[in-house]
Amino acid sequence: MKKNLSDKLTLYKTNIFPYISKKQSRKKYLVTIGIGGNVGDVKKTFNKLFLSLKNNSHFHIVRTSPLLTNPAFGYTEQKDFLNGIIAIKTNLSVNDFFKIMQKLEIRYGRKRSFQDAPRTLDIDIIFFDNKKINTKKLIIPHKDWANRESVIIPLNYMKKIYKGRK
């Protein structure tokens, strides 16, 4: 399914975006991550990421949003991005979770050449339960998340569709 929200924003549904788990999780923390990319077959990368998370005993995927194509910001001389949201339960600490997300970015070809550069996979921790963190390496809630269509639109869609379900 493809739904044009405007001339620059398009929402996509795939077989796992959106997704909702039928199982409950006893894991302690609810983490919301934003995923994005604009290099290579991004949908395929997102599917591989989903399977990596689903098959890792540290994580329980609660739900995912549909995917959104939107223009790049910051450095705008690049292809549009595909973005989505994944809600995950985990017992990992913030730092351990962050390290694993960075390793996943590298596994799927992420290169850090300059800020807002094109990339195969970007994983941002939007929320980590109700924690607030502000260090050189990590800011949670993610800086400026509330002003990014790439976060707000998938997140709002996810909330509407799954309201009341955990």
N, C-alpha and C. Protein backbone atom coordinates (compact mmCIF):
# COMPACT_ATOMS: atom_id res chain seq x y z
N MET A 1 0.83 -1.17 0.00
CA MET A 1 0.00 0.00 0.00
C MET A 1 0.88 1.24 0.00
N LYS A 2 0.46 2.23 -0.72
CA LYS A 2 1.18 3.49 -0.83
C LYS A 2 0.17 4.60 -0.70
N LYS A 3 0.45 5.57 0.20
CA LYS A 3 -0.46 6.68 0.41
C LYS A 3 0.33 7.98 0.36
N ASN A 4 0.01 8.84 -0.62
CA ASN A 4 0.67 10.13 -0.71
C ASN A 4 0.06 11.08 0.32
N LEU A 5 0.89 11.58 1.23
CA LEU A 5 0.43 12.53 2.24
C LEU A 5 0.56 13.96 1.73
N SER A 6 1.55 14.17 0.84
CA SER A 6 1.77 15.45 0.18
C SER A 6 2.66 15.17 -1.02
N ASP A 7 3.08 16.22 -1.73
CA ASP A 7 3.94 15.97 -2.88
C ASP A 7 5.34 15.50 -2.47
N LYS A 8 5.70 15.64 -1.17
CA LYS A 8 7.02 15.24 -0.70
C LYS A 8 7.01 14.09 0.31
N LEU A 9 5.83 13.71 0.79
CA LEU A 9 5.72 12.68 1.84
C LEU A 9 4.82 11.55 1.37
N THR A 10 5.33 10.32 1.46
CA THR A 10 4.56 9.14 1.07
C THR A 10 4.69 8.09 2.16
N LEU A 11 3.55 7.50 2.54
CA LEU A 11 3.50 6.45 3.55
C LEU A 11 3.39 5.10 2.83
N TYR A 12 4.17 4.11 3.28
CA TYR A 12 4.16 2.77 2.70
C TYR A 12 3.85 1.74 3.76
N LYS A 13 3.10 0.72 3.36
CA LYS A 13 2.92 -0.45 4.21
C LYS A 13 3.59 -1.62 3.51
N THR A 14 4.30 -2.43 4.30
CA THR A 14 4.91 -3.65 3.79
C THR A 14 4.41 -4.80 4.67
N ASN A 15 4.99 -5.97 4.50
CA ASN A 15 4.54 -7.11 5.31
C ASN A 15 4.93 -6.98 6.79
N ILE A 16 5.93 -6.15 7.14
CA ILE A 16 6.31 -5.98 8.55
C ILE A 16 6.31 -4.52 9.01
N PHE A 17 5.95 -3.64 8.16
CA PHE A 17 5.81 -2.23 8.52
C PHE A 17 4.44 -1.76 8.04
N PRO A 18 3.41 -1.68 8.86
CA PRO A 18 3.40 -1.85 10.32
C PRO A 18 3.25 -3.31 10.75
N TYR A 19 3.64 -3.56 11.99
CA TYR A 19 3.60 -4.88 12.62
C TYR A 19 3.21 -4.67 14.07
N ILE A 20 2.49 -5.63 14.62
CA ILE A 20 2.22 -5.63 16.06
C ILE A 20 2.39 -7.04 16.58
N SER A 21 3.10 -7.16 17.67
CA SER A 21 3.33 -8.47 18.28
C SER A 21 2.06 -8.98 18.92
N LYS A 22 1.84 -10.27 18.80
CA LYS A 22 0.68 -10.89 19.45
C LYS A 22 1.04 -11.37 20.86
N LYS A 23 2.34 -11.31 21.20
CA LYS A 23 2.81 -11.79 22.50
C LYS A 23 3.10 -10.63 23.44
N GLN A 24 2.90 -10.87 24.72
CA GLN A 24 3.29 -9.90 25.75
C GLN A 24 4.77 -10.13 26.07
N SER A 25 5.41 -9.09 26.57
CA SER A 25 6.81 -9.20 26.96
C SER A 25 6.96 -8.80 28.42
N ARG A 26 7.81 -9.52 29.13
CA ARG A 26 8.10 -9.18 30.52
C ARG A 26 9.38 -8.35 30.64
N LYS A 27 9.92 -7.97 29.50
CA LYS A 27 11.14 -7.16 29.55
C LYS A 27 10.80 -5.80 30.15
N LYS A 28 11.80 -5.20 30.79
CA LYS A 28 11.61 -4.05 31.66
C LYS A 28 11.37 -2.72 30.94
N TYR A 29 12.17 -2.42 29.92
CA TYR A 29 12.16 -1.09 29.31
C TYR A 29 11.48 -1.08 27.94
N LEU A 30 10.71 -0.04 27.68
CA LEU A 30 10.14 0.18 26.36
C LEU A 30 10.99 1.23 25.66
N VAL A 31 11.55 0.86 24.52
CA VAL A 31 12.44 1.74 23.76
C VAL A 31 11.81 2.01 22.40
N THR A 32 11.85 3.26 22.00
CA THR A 32 11.36 3.65 20.68
C THR A 32 12.56 4.09 19.86
N ILE A 33 12.77 3.41 18.73
CA ILE A 33 13.87 3.80 17.85
C ILE A 33 13.31 4.29 16.52
N GLY A 34 14.02 5.24 15.96
CA GLY A 34 13.74 5.69 14.60
C GLY A 34 14.77 5.08 13.69
N ILE A 35 14.32 4.61 12.53
CA ILE A 35 15.24 4.04 11.55
C ILE A 35 15.12 4.84 10.26
N GLY A 36 16.22 5.00 9.58
CA GLY A 36 16.21 5.74 8.33
C GLY A 36 17.35 5.31 7.44
N GLY A 37 17.18 5.60 6.17
CA GLY A 37 18.24 5.30 5.20
C GLY A 37 17.87 5.83 3.83
N ASN A 38 18.90 6.04 2.98
CA ASN A 38 18.64 6.47 1.60
C ASN A 38 19.70 5.95 0.63
N VAL A 39 20.47 4.95 1.06
CA VAL A 39 21.50 4.36 0.19
C VAL A 39 21.21 2.86 0.05
N GLY A 40 21.19 2.38 -1.18
CA GLY A 40 20.96 0.96 -1.42
C GLY A 40 19.48 0.61 -1.33
N ASP A 41 19.21 -0.67 -1.14
CA ASP A 41 17.83 -1.16 -1.02
C ASP A 41 17.41 -1.02 0.45
N VAL A 42 16.89 0.14 0.79
CA VAL A 42 16.60 0.48 2.18
C VAL A 42 15.51 -0.42 2.77
N LYS A 43 14.47 -0.74 1.98
CA LYS A 43 13.42 -1.64 2.49
C LYS A 43 14.01 -3.00 2.86
N LYS A 44 14.91 -3.50 2.03
CA LYS A 44 15.56 -4.78 2.31
C LYS A 44 16.41 -4.68 3.59
N THR A 45 17.12 -3.57 3.74
CA THR A 45 17.92 -3.35 4.95
C THR A 45 17.02 -3.31 6.18
N PHE A 46 15.88 -2.61 6.09
CA PHE A 46 14.94 -2.54 7.21
C PHE A 46 14.39 -3.93 7.55
N ASN A 47 14.10 -4.73 6.53
CA ASN A 47 13.61 -6.10 6.78
C ASN A 47 14.68 -6.93 7.50
N LYS A 48 15.92 -6.80 7.07
CA LYS A 48 17.02 -7.53 7.72
C LYS A 48 17.19 -7.07 9.16
N LEU A 49 17.09 -5.76 9.39
CA LEU A 49 17.19 -5.22 10.74
C LEU A 49 16.08 -5.77 11.61
N PHE A 50 14.86 -5.77 11.10
CA PHE A 50 13.71 -6.30 11.83
C PHE A 50 13.98 -7.74 12.25
N LEU A 51 14.45 -8.57 11.32
CA LEU A 51 14.72 -9.98 11.62
C LEU A 51 15.86 -10.12 12.63
N SER A 52 16.88 -9.27 12.52
CA SER A 52 17.99 -9.30 13.49
C SER A 52 17.48 -9.00 14.89
N LEU A 53 16.63 -8.00 15.01
CA LEU A 53 16.07 -7.64 16.32
C LEU A 53 15.14 -8.73 16.83
N LYS A 54 14.30 -9.24 15.94
CA LYS A 54 13.32 -10.26 16.33
C LYS A 54 13.99 -11.55 16.80
N ASN A 55 15.13 -11.88 16.20
CA ASN A 55 15.83 -13.12 16.53
C ASN A 55 16.84 -12.97 17.66
N ASN A 56 16.94 -11.77 18.23
CA ASN A 56 17.88 -11.52 19.32
C ASN A 56 17.11 -11.59 20.64
N SER A 57 17.52 -12.46 21.54
CA SER A 57 16.79 -12.68 22.79
C SER A 57 16.78 -11.45 23.72
N HIS A 58 17.64 -10.48 23.45
CA HIS A 58 17.65 -9.24 24.25
C HIS A 58 16.46 -8.34 23.93
N PHE A 59 15.78 -8.61 22.81
CA PHE A 59 14.74 -7.71 22.33
C PHE A 59 13.41 -8.43 22.11
N HIS A 60 12.35 -7.69 22.30
CA HIS A 60 11.01 -8.12 21.90
C HIS A 60 10.42 -6.95 21.12
N ILE A 61 10.17 -7.15 19.83
CA ILE A 61 9.57 -6.09 19.03
C ILE A 61 8.09 -6.02 19.38
N VAL A 62 7.68 -4.87 19.86
CA VAL A 62 6.29 -4.66 20.25
C VAL A 62 5.45 -4.29 19.03
N ARG A 63 5.96 -3.32 18.27
CA ARG A 63 5.25 -2.89 17.07
C ARG A 63 6.15 -2.03 16.20
N THR A 64 5.72 -1.86 14.96
CA THR A 64 6.43 -0.99 14.03
C THR A 64 5.41 -0.07 13.36
N SER A 65 5.91 1.00 12.82
CA SER A 65 5.08 1.94 12.07
C SER A 65 5.10 1.57 10.59
N PRO A 66 4.25 2.20 9.80
CA PRO A 66 4.48 2.13 8.35
C PRO A 66 5.74 2.94 8.04
N LEU A 67 6.21 2.86 6.81
CA LEU A 67 7.41 3.57 6.40
C LEU A 67 7.03 4.87 5.70
N LEU A 68 7.88 5.86 5.84
CA LEU A 68 7.63 7.18 5.27
C LEU A 68 8.81 7.60 4.41
N THR A 69 8.54 8.02 3.18
CA THR A 69 9.59 8.68 2.39
C THR A 69 9.45 10.17 2.62
N ASN A 70 10.57 10.82 2.82
CA ASN A 70 10.57 12.26 3.03
C ASN A 70 11.91 12.84 2.59
N PRO A 71 11.92 14.14 2.29
CA PRO A 71 13.17 14.76 1.86
C PRO A 71 14.21 14.79 2.97
N ALA A 72 15.47 14.77 2.57
CA ALA A 72 16.57 14.90 3.52
C ALA A 72 16.55 16.31 4.11
N PHE A 73 17.06 16.43 5.32
CA PHE A 73 17.24 17.76 5.90
C PHE A 73 18.69 17.92 6.29
N GLY A 74 19.10 19.12 6.62
CA GLY A 74 20.52 19.38 6.87
C GLY A 74 21.21 19.44 5.52
N TYR A 75 21.88 18.37 5.15
CA TYR A 75 22.49 18.26 3.83
C TYR A 75 21.41 17.76 2.86
N THR A 76 20.90 18.64 2.02
CA THR A 76 19.73 18.33 1.19
C THR A 76 20.07 17.84 -0.22
N GLU A 77 21.34 17.85 -0.60
CA GLU A 77 21.74 17.41 -1.94
C GLU A 77 21.91 15.90 -1.96
N GLN A 78 20.83 15.18 -1.67
CA GLN A 78 20.86 13.72 -1.64
C GLN A 78 19.45 13.19 -1.86
N LYS A 79 19.36 11.87 -2.05
CA LYS A 79 18.07 11.22 -2.26
C LYS A 79 17.18 11.35 -1.03
N ASP A 80 15.86 11.21 -1.25
CA ASP A 80 14.92 11.18 -0.13
C ASP A 80 15.23 10.00 0.78
N PHE A 81 14.79 10.12 2.02
CA PHE A 81 14.99 9.08 3.01
C PHE A 81 13.73 8.23 3.16
N LEU A 82 13.92 7.00 3.55
CA LEU A 82 12.85 6.13 4.00
C LEU A 82 13.03 6.02 5.51
N ASN A 83 11.95 6.24 6.27
CA ASN A 83 12.02 6.25 7.73
C ASN A 83 10.90 5.43 8.33
N GLY A 84 11.13 4.96 9.55
CA GLY A 84 10.11 4.23 10.29
C GLY A 84 10.43 4.25 11.77
N ILE A 85 9.51 3.71 12.54
CA ILE A 85 9.65 3.64 13.99
C ILE A 85 9.47 2.19 14.42
N ILE A 86 10.29 1.76 15.38
CA ILE A 86 10.16 0.43 15.97
C ILE A 86 10.11 0.59 17.49
N ALA A 87 9.09 0.00 18.11
CA ALA A 87 8.99 -0.03 19.58
C ALA A 87 9.47 -1.40 20.04
N ILE A 88 10.42 -1.40 20.97
CA ILE A 88 11.09 -2.62 21.42
C ILE A 88 11.09 -2.67 22.94
N LYS A 89 10.92 -3.87 23.49
CA LYS A 89 11.11 -4.07 24.94
C LYS A 89 12.47 -4.75 25.12
N THR A 90 13.17 -4.35 26.20
CA THR A 90 14.48 -4.92 26.49
C THR A 90 14.77 -4.82 27.98
N ASN A 91 15.70 -5.63 28.43
CA ASN A 91 16.23 -5.53 29.79
C ASN A 91 17.62 -4.91 29.81
N LEU A 92 18.14 -4.57 28.62
CA LEU A 92 19.48 -3.99 28.53
C LEU A 92 19.52 -2.58 29.11
N SER A 93 20.69 -2.19 29.59
CA SER A 93 20.89 -0.80 30.02
C SER A 93 20.91 0.09 28.78
N VAL A 94 20.76 1.38 28.99
CA VAL A 94 20.80 2.33 27.87
C VAL A 94 22.10 2.19 27.10
N ASN A 95 23.23 2.14 27.82
CA ASN A 95 24.52 2.08 27.14
C ASN A 95 24.71 0.79 26.35
N ASP A 96 24.29 -0.34 26.91
CA ASP A 96 24.40 -1.60 26.18
C ASP A 96 23.50 -1.60 24.95
N PHE A 97 22.29 -1.07 25.09
CA PHE A 97 21.36 -0.97 23.96
C PHE A 97 21.98 -0.10 22.87
N PHE A 98 22.51 1.05 23.25
CA PHE A 98 23.13 1.98 22.31
C PHE A 98 24.28 1.31 21.54
N LYS A 99 25.12 0.58 22.24
CA LYS A 99 26.25 -0.10 21.61
C LYS A 99 25.77 -1.11 20.56
N ILE A 100 24.73 -1.86 20.89
CA ILE A 100 24.21 -2.85 19.94
C ILE A 100 23.63 -2.15 18.71
N MET A 101 22.93 -1.02 18.91
CA MET A 101 22.36 -0.29 17.76
C MET A 101 23.49 0.23 16.86
N GLN A 102 24.58 0.70 17.45
CA GLN A 102 25.71 1.16 16.64
C GLN A 102 26.34 0.01 15.85
N LYS A 103 26.43 -1.16 16.47
CA LYS A 103 26.97 -2.34 15.77
C LYS A 103 26.06 -2.75 14.62
N LEU A 104 24.75 -2.65 14.83
CA LEU A 104 23.81 -2.98 13.75
C LEU A 104 23.95 -2.00 12.58
N GLU A 105 24.12 -0.72 12.89
CA GLU A 105 24.33 0.26 11.81
C GLU A 105 25.55 -0.13 10.98
N ILE A 106 26.63 -0.49 11.64
CA ILE A 106 27.86 -0.87 10.94
C ILE A 106 27.65 -2.16 10.14
N ARG A 107 26.96 -3.14 10.75
CA ARG A 107 26.70 -4.41 10.04
C ARG A 107 25.98 -4.16 8.72
N TYR A 108 25.09 -3.17 8.71
CA TYR A 108 24.32 -2.89 7.50
C TYR A 108 24.90 -1.74 6.68
N GLY A 109 26.21 -1.50 6.84
CA GLY A 109 26.93 -0.63 5.92
C GLY A 109 27.01 0.84 6.27
N ARG A 110 26.67 1.23 7.47
CA ARG A 110 26.71 2.65 7.85
C ARG A 110 28.14 3.16 7.86
N LYS A 111 28.36 4.28 7.17
CA LYS A 111 29.63 4.99 7.19
C LYS A 111 29.34 6.39 7.70
N ARG A 112 30.15 6.88 8.62
CA ARG A 112 29.95 8.22 9.18
C ARG A 112 30.96 9.18 8.53
N SER A 113 30.60 9.73 7.38
CA SER A 113 31.52 10.62 6.66
C SER A 113 31.36 12.08 7.10
N PHE A 114 30.12 12.55 7.24
CA PHE A 114 29.86 13.90 7.73
C PHE A 114 28.41 13.94 8.23
N GLN A 115 28.08 14.98 8.99
CA GLN A 115 26.74 15.08 9.57
C GLN A 115 25.69 15.14 8.46
N ASP A 116 24.61 14.39 8.64
CA ASP A 116 23.47 14.34 7.71
C ASP A 116 23.85 13.77 6.34
N ALA A 117 24.92 12.99 6.29
CA ALA A 117 25.37 12.38 5.04
C ALA A 117 24.39 11.28 4.62
N PRO A 118 24.40 10.92 3.33
CA PRO A 118 23.62 9.76 2.90
C PRO A 118 24.06 8.52 3.68
N ARG A 119 23.13 7.58 3.92
CA ARG A 119 23.49 6.40 4.70
C ARG A 119 22.58 5.22 4.40
N THR A 120 23.14 4.04 4.62
CA THR A 120 22.39 2.80 4.43
C THR A 120 21.39 2.59 5.56
N LEU A 121 21.82 2.91 6.79
CA LEU A 121 20.96 2.71 7.96
C LEU A 121 21.37 3.67 9.07
N ASP A 122 20.41 4.38 9.58
CA ASP A 122 20.58 5.25 10.74
C ASP A 122 19.60 4.76 11.79
N ILE A 123 20.08 4.52 12.99
CA ILE A 123 19.20 4.11 14.10
C ILE A 123 19.34 5.16 15.19
N ASP A 124 18.23 5.81 15.50
CA ASP A 124 18.20 6.81 16.57
C ASP A 124 17.33 6.30 17.71
N ILE A 125 17.83 6.44 18.93
CA ILE A 125 17.00 6.12 20.10
C ILE A 125 16.17 7.36 20.38
N ILE A 126 14.88 7.28 20.10
CA ILE A 126 13.99 8.42 20.32
C ILE A 126 13.64 8.52 21.80
N PHE A 127 13.18 7.40 22.37
CA PHE A 127 12.86 7.32 23.80
C PHE A 127 13.43 6.03 24.36
N PHE A 128 13.87 6.08 25.59
CA PHE A 128 14.26 4.87 26.31
C PHE A 128 13.48 4.90 27.62
N ASP A 129 12.33 4.23 27.60
CA ASP A 129 11.40 4.27 28.72
C ASP A 129 11.15 5.74 29.06
N ASN A 130 11.28 6.13 30.31
CA ASN A 130 11.09 7.54 30.68
C ASN A 130 12.41 8.22 31.03
N LYS A 131 13.51 7.64 30.59
CA LYS A 131 14.82 8.16 30.96
C LYS A 131 15.16 9.44 30.19
N LYS A 132 15.92 10.30 30.85
CA LYS A 132 16.47 11.50 30.22
C LYS A 132 17.98 11.42 30.36
N ILE A 133 18.67 11.51 29.21
CA ILE A 133 20.13 11.40 29.18
C ILE A 133 20.66 12.51 28.30
N ASN A 134 21.74 13.14 28.73
CA ASN A 134 22.35 14.20 27.93
C ASN A 134 23.87 14.12 28.10
N THR A 135 24.50 13.33 27.21
CA THR A 135 25.95 13.20 27.21
C THR A 135 26.46 13.58 25.82
N LYS A 136 27.78 13.58 25.64
CA LYS A 136 28.36 13.90 24.32
C LYS A 136 27.91 12.91 23.26
N LYS A 137 27.80 11.63 23.65
CA LYS A 137 27.47 10.58 22.68
C LYS A 137 25.98 10.31 22.53
N LEU A 138 25.19 10.67 23.54
CA LEU A 138 23.79 10.25 23.53
C LEU A 138 22.88 11.25 24.22
N ILE A 139 21.81 11.62 23.53
CA ILE A 139 20.78 12.49 24.10
C ILE A 139 19.45 11.77 23.96
N ILE A 140 18.77 11.56 25.10
CA ILE A 140 17.46 10.91 25.11
C ILE A 140 16.56 11.72 26.03
N PRO A 141 15.34 12.07 25.58
CA PRO A 141 14.78 11.83 24.26
C PRO A 141 15.65 12.45 23.15
N HIS A 142 15.57 11.86 21.97
CA HIS A 142 16.40 12.30 20.85
C HIS A 142 16.18 13.78 20.58
N LYS A 143 17.28 14.47 20.37
CA LYS A 143 17.24 15.91 20.13
C LYS A 143 16.32 16.25 18.95
N ASP A 144 15.42 17.15 19.18
CA ASP A 144 14.55 17.71 18.13
C ASP A 144 13.59 16.71 17.49
N TRP A 145 13.33 15.57 18.15
CA TRP A 145 12.45 14.55 17.58
C TRP A 145 11.06 15.11 17.25
N ALA A 146 10.58 16.02 18.09
CA ALA A 146 9.20 16.52 17.94
C ALA A 146 9.03 17.43 16.73
N ASN A 147 10.13 17.83 16.10
CA ASN A 147 10.06 18.71 14.93
C ASN A 147 10.40 17.98 13.63
N ARG A 148 10.51 16.67 13.69
CA ARG A 148 10.90 15.90 12.51
C ARG A 148 9.72 15.09 11.98
N GLU A 149 9.33 15.40 10.77
CA GLU A 149 8.23 14.63 10.14
C GLU A 149 8.58 13.16 10.09
N SER A 150 9.87 12.85 9.91
CA SER A 150 10.32 11.46 9.79
C SER A 150 10.08 10.67 11.07
N VAL A 151 9.86 11.35 12.19
CA VAL A 151 9.54 10.70 13.46
C VAL A 151 8.05 10.85 13.77
N ILE A 152 7.56 12.07 13.68
CA ILE A 152 6.19 12.39 14.10
C ILE A 152 5.13 11.63 13.30
N ILE A 153 5.25 11.61 12.00
CA ILE A 153 4.21 10.97 11.17
C ILE A 153 4.14 9.46 11.43
N PRO A 154 5.25 8.71 11.36
CA PRO A 154 5.15 7.28 11.67
C PRO A 154 4.71 7.02 13.12
N LEU A 155 5.20 7.81 14.05
CA LEU A 155 4.85 7.64 15.46
C LEU A 155 3.36 7.88 15.69
N ASN A 156 2.82 8.95 15.10
CA ASN A 156 1.39 9.23 15.24
C ASN A 156 0.53 8.15 14.60
N TYR A 157 0.97 7.67 13.45
CA TYR A 157 0.23 6.60 12.79
C TYR A 157 0.22 5.35 13.66
N MET A 158 1.37 5.04 14.24
CA MET A 158 1.50 3.85 15.10
C MET A 158 0.57 3.99 16.31
N LYS A 159 0.52 5.16 16.91
CA LYS A 159 -0.34 5.38 18.08
C LYS A 159 -1.81 5.25 17.72
N LYS A 160 -2.21 5.79 16.58
CA LYS A 160 -3.62 5.73 16.16
C LYS A 160 -4.06 4.28 15.94
N ILE A 161 -3.27 3.55 15.21
CA ILE A 161 -3.62 2.19 14.82
C ILE A 161 -3.64 1.24 16.03
N TYR A 162 -2.69 1.42 16.94
CA TYR A 162 -2.54 0.46 18.02
C TYR A 162 -2.97 1.01 19.39
N LYS A 163 -3.74 2.06 19.37
CA LYS A 163 -4.17 2.69 20.63
C LYS A 163 -4.78 1.66 21.56
N GLY A 164 -4.27 1.66 22.78
CA GLY A 164 -4.79 0.76 23.79
C GLY A 164 -4.20 -0.64 23.79
N ARG A 165 -3.36 -0.97 22.83
CA ARG A 165 -2.74 -2.30 22.78
C ARG A 165 -1.29 -2.18 23.20
N LYS A 166 -0.77 -3.16 23.95
CA LYS A 166 0.63 -3.11 24.37
C LYS A 166 1.36 -4.34 23.91
